[in-house]
Amino acid sequence: MKRILFVCLMSFFTGSFAFADTVSINHFMVKENPFAESEIAIVATDSLNNIREDVSGRFSFTLNGFQQEMVFDKGTAFYRHKIERSTFLYVKHVNDSGTHSLLYYIYKHDSKLTPIHISWLLLLAIPIGLILLAYIFKRFIIIAIVIFCIFLYFNHHNGLSIPTFFESIFDGLKGVF
């Protein structure tokens, strides 16, 4: 009887320690897909930008406002939509530890894609810098307005809308606090 009780207790305690640990993506980056032309890949990384090969499965991402189920295999998921021209790409992932989002400018040249990470500080610094220059130099007001209009047109023409612009800045500010 003692032996049966001992076996039951041991199986109960070992069963309680055998639960699988959930894998979450807290850092990621966008790279060019090496297997397809004009496509990108999302790579799960750690805080030092090393690829996390333990990430496998389906994870929900939002790319430019569209919900996508990304299938990760050894830390890499492929976005199967062709990118026809240079554009902004806003990638957001929500998990239990919070919202993780990055803004990239995907520069297309020849048949290659070059993802350039755009910091929320840069998005905030350009308009504030133009406003400060216009305030300091009164004659610079017209030039600052023209440069600001060109900045807005470039962003809008390449797929960065005003709501995405502010959402990227607010997500960056949330990450600071």
Protein backbone atom coordinates (compact mmCIF):
# COMPACT_ATOMS: atom_id res chain seq x y z
CA MET A 1 0.00 0.00 0.00
CA LYS A 2 2.85 2.38 0.84
CA ARG A 3 4.45 1.61 -2.49
CA ILE A 4 1.26 2.45 -4.42
CA LEU A 5 0.82 5.71 -2.48
CA PHE A 6 4.48 6.59 -3.11
CA VAL A 7 4.15 5.94 -6.87
CA CYS A 8 0.94 8.02 -7.05
CA LEU A 9 2.52 10.93 -5.19
CA MET A 10 5.67 10.81 -7.34
CA SER A 11 3.66 10.76 -10.56
CA PHE A 12 1.55 13.67 -9.30
CA PHE A 13 4.58 15.81 -8.40
CA THR A 14 6.51 15.02 -11.58
CA GLY A 15 3.39 15.73 -13.65
CA SER A 16 3.04 19.16 -12.07
CA PHE A 17 6.61 20.08 -13.05
CA ALA A 18 6.27 18.84 -16.62
CA PHE A 19 4.19 21.73 -17.99
CA ALA A 20 5.62 23.34 -21.09
CA ASP A 21 7.01 26.84 -20.91
CA THR A 22 5.29 29.28 -23.25
CA VAL A 23 7.47 30.98 -25.81
CA SER A 24 6.86 34.68 -26.34
CA ILE A 25 8.37 37.10 -28.80
CA ASN A 26 9.53 40.32 -27.16
CA HIS A 27 12.10 41.39 -29.76
CA PHE A 28 12.06 40.93 -33.50
CA MET A 29 13.53 42.41 -36.65
CA VAL A 30 12.65 42.57 -40.32
CA LYS A 31 15.08 41.20 -42.90
CA GLU A 32 15.03 40.48 -46.60
CA ASN A 33 13.73 37.01 -47.41
CA PRO A 34 16.75 35.15 -48.81
CA PHE A 35 14.56 32.55 -50.55
CA ALA A 36 12.17 34.83 -52.45
CA GLU A 37 12.55 38.03 -54.39
CA SER A 38 10.80 41.20 -53.09
CA GLU A 39 9.64 39.53 -49.88
CA ILE A 40 10.62 40.03 -46.26
CA ALA A 41 11.07 37.81 -43.23
CA ILE A 42 10.38 38.54 -39.57
CA VAL A 43 13.05 37.13 -37.28
CA ALA A 44 12.48 36.59 -33.55
CA THR A 45 15.52 37.80 -31.63
CA ASP A 46 16.66 38.27 -28.09
CA SER A 47 17.65 41.65 -26.63
CA LEU A 48 21.09 41.39 -28.29
CA ASN A 49 19.59 40.73 -31.77
CA ASN A 50 20.64 37.07 -31.78
CA ILE A 51 18.15 34.79 -33.54
CA ARG A 52 16.02 32.76 -31.13
CA GLU A 53 15.79 29.35 -32.75
CA ASP A 54 13.47 28.05 -30.01
CA VAL A 55 10.56 30.08 -31.42
CA SER A 56 8.29 27.89 -33.50
CA GLY A 57 4.55 28.04 -34.06
CA ARG A 58 1.86 30.56 -34.99
CA PHE A 59 2.05 34.13 -33.70
CA SER A 60 -0.26 37.02 -34.46
CA PHE A 61 1.33 40.14 -35.96
CA THR A 62 -0.14 43.33 -37.36
CA LEU A 63 1.61 44.61 -40.48
CA ASN A 64 0.52 48.08 -41.63
CA GLY A 65 -2.81 47.62 -39.88
CA PHE A 66 -3.59 44.16 -41.25
CA GLN A 67 -3.71 41.18 -38.88
CA GLN A 68 -1.48 38.30 -40.03
CA GLU A 69 -0.86 34.88 -38.56
CA MET A 70 2.87 34.38 -38.96
CA VAL A 71 4.21 30.82 -38.87
CA PHE A 72 7.63 30.75 -37.20
CA ASP A 73 10.07 27.93 -37.75
CA LYS A 74 13.39 28.14 -35.88
CA GLY A 75 12.84 31.83 -35.18
CA THR A 76 11.95 32.96 -38.71
CA ALA A 77 8.59 33.68 -40.36
CA PHE A 78 8.13 34.70 -43.98
CA TYR A 79 5.73 37.44 -45.09
CA ARG A 80 4.47 36.10 -48.42
CA HIS A 81 3.37 39.39 -50.01
CA LYS A 82 5.52 40.98 -52.68
CA ILE A 83 6.80 44.49 -52.04
CA GLU A 84 6.62 46.38 -55.32
CA ARG A 85 8.29 49.66 -54.31
CA SER A 86 9.97 51.35 -51.37
CA THR A 87 7.52 51.67 -48.51
CA PHE A 88 7.10 52.01 -44.76
CA LEU A 89 6.26 48.86 -42.81
CA TYR A 90 4.80 49.11 -39.32
CA VAL A 91 5.07 45.74 -37.54
CA LYS A 92 3.31 45.20 -34.21
CA HIS A 93 3.05 42.15 -31.96
CA VAL A 94 0.94 41.95 -28.81
CA ASN A 95 1.58 39.28 -26.19
CA ASP A 96 1.24 38.83 -22.43
CA SER A 97 4.22 41.08 -21.68
CA GLY A 98 2.88 44.02 -23.73
CA THR A 99 2.90 45.56 -27.18
CA HIS A 100 6.07 45.38 -29.24
CA SER A 101 6.18 47.45 -32.41
CA LEU A 102 8.78 48.62 -34.90
CA LEU A 103 8.68 50.93 -37.89
CA TYR A 104 10.81 50.08 -40.91
CA TYR A 105 11.44 51.80 -44.20
CA ILE A 106 11.83 49.06 -46.81
CA TYR A 107 14.09 50.51 -49.49
CA LYS A 108 13.82 48.66 -52.80
CA HIS A 109 16.72 48.97 -55.21
CA ASP A 110 17.40 46.70 -58.16
CA SER A 111 15.93 43.39 -56.98
CA LYS A 112 16.98 43.78 -53.36
CA LEU A 113 15.17 45.02 -50.28
CA THR A 114 16.97 46.90 -47.54
CA PRO A 115 14.97 47.28 -44.30
CA ILE A 116 15.96 50.41 -42.35
CA HIS A 117 14.70 50.68 -38.79
CA ILE A 118 13.11 54.09 -38.09
CA SER A 119 13.27 55.08 -34.45
CA TRP A 120 10.30 56.84 -32.86
CA LEU A 121 12.79 59.46 -31.64
CA LEU A 122 13.62 60.36 -35.24
CA LEU A 123 9.93 60.64 -36.09
CA LEU A 124 9.47 63.00 -33.17
CA ALA A 125 12.72 64.94 -33.67
CA ILE A 126 12.14 66.04 -37.27
CA PRO A 127 8.88 67.97 -36.72
CA ILE A 128 10.04 69.36 -33.37
CA GLY A 129 13.34 70.45 -34.94
CA LEU A 130 11.50 72.23 -37.75
CA ILE A 131 9.22 74.00 -35.26
CA LEU A 132 12.17 75.09 -33.13
CA LEU A 133 14.08 76.40 -36.15
CA ALA A 134 11.02 78.30 -37.32
CA TYR A 135 10.59 79.75 -33.83
CA ILE A 136 14.25 80.79 -33.50
CA PHE A 137 14.61 82.20 -37.01
CA LYS A 138 11.44 84.06 -37.96
CA ARG A 139 12.47 84.22 -41.62
CA PHE A 140 12.70 80.43 -41.67
CA ILE A 141 8.96 79.96 -41.07
CA ILE A 142 8.01 79.62 -44.76
CA ILE A 143 10.93 77.28 -45.49
CA ALA A 144 10.08 75.18 -42.40
CA ILE A 145 6.45 74.87 -43.55
CA VAL A 146 7.57 73.78 -47.03
CA ILE A 147 10.01 71.21 -45.58
CA PHE A 148 7.30 69.95 -43.22
CA CYS A 149 4.86 69.56 -46.14
CA ILE A 150 7.51 67.63 -48.10
CA PHE A 151 8.09 65.44 -45.02
CA LEU A 152 4.36 64.70 -44.75
CA TYR A 153 4.04 64.01 -48.48
CA PHE A 154 7.03 61.63 -48.46
CA ASN A 155 5.58 59.75 -45.49
CA HIS A 156 2.10 59.54 -46.97
CA HIS A 157 3.31 58.62 -50.47
CA ASN A 158 5.36 55.72 -49.06
CA GLY A 159 2.58 54.30 -46.91
CA LEU A 160 3.07 55.99 -43.53
CA SER A 161 -0.28 57.49 -42.59
CA ILE A 162 -0.77 60.08 -39.85
CA PRO A 163 -2.41 57.57 -37.43
CA THR A 164 0.47 55.12 -37.92
CA PHE A 165 2.94 57.98 -37.42
CA PHE A 166 1.41 58.88 -34.04
CA GLU A 167 0.90 55.23 -33.04
CA SER A 168 4.59 54.56 -33.59
CA ILE A 169 5.54 57.55 -31.44
CA PHE A 170 3.11 56.58 -28.66
CA ASP A 171 4.33 52.96 -28.65
CA GLY A 172 7.88 54.24 -28.33
CA LEU A 173 6.92 56.51 -25.46
CA LYS A 174 5.14 53.61 -23.72
CA GLY A 175 8.32 51.59 -24.00
CA VAL A 176 10.26 54.32 -22.20
CA PHE A 177 7.91 54.34 -19.23
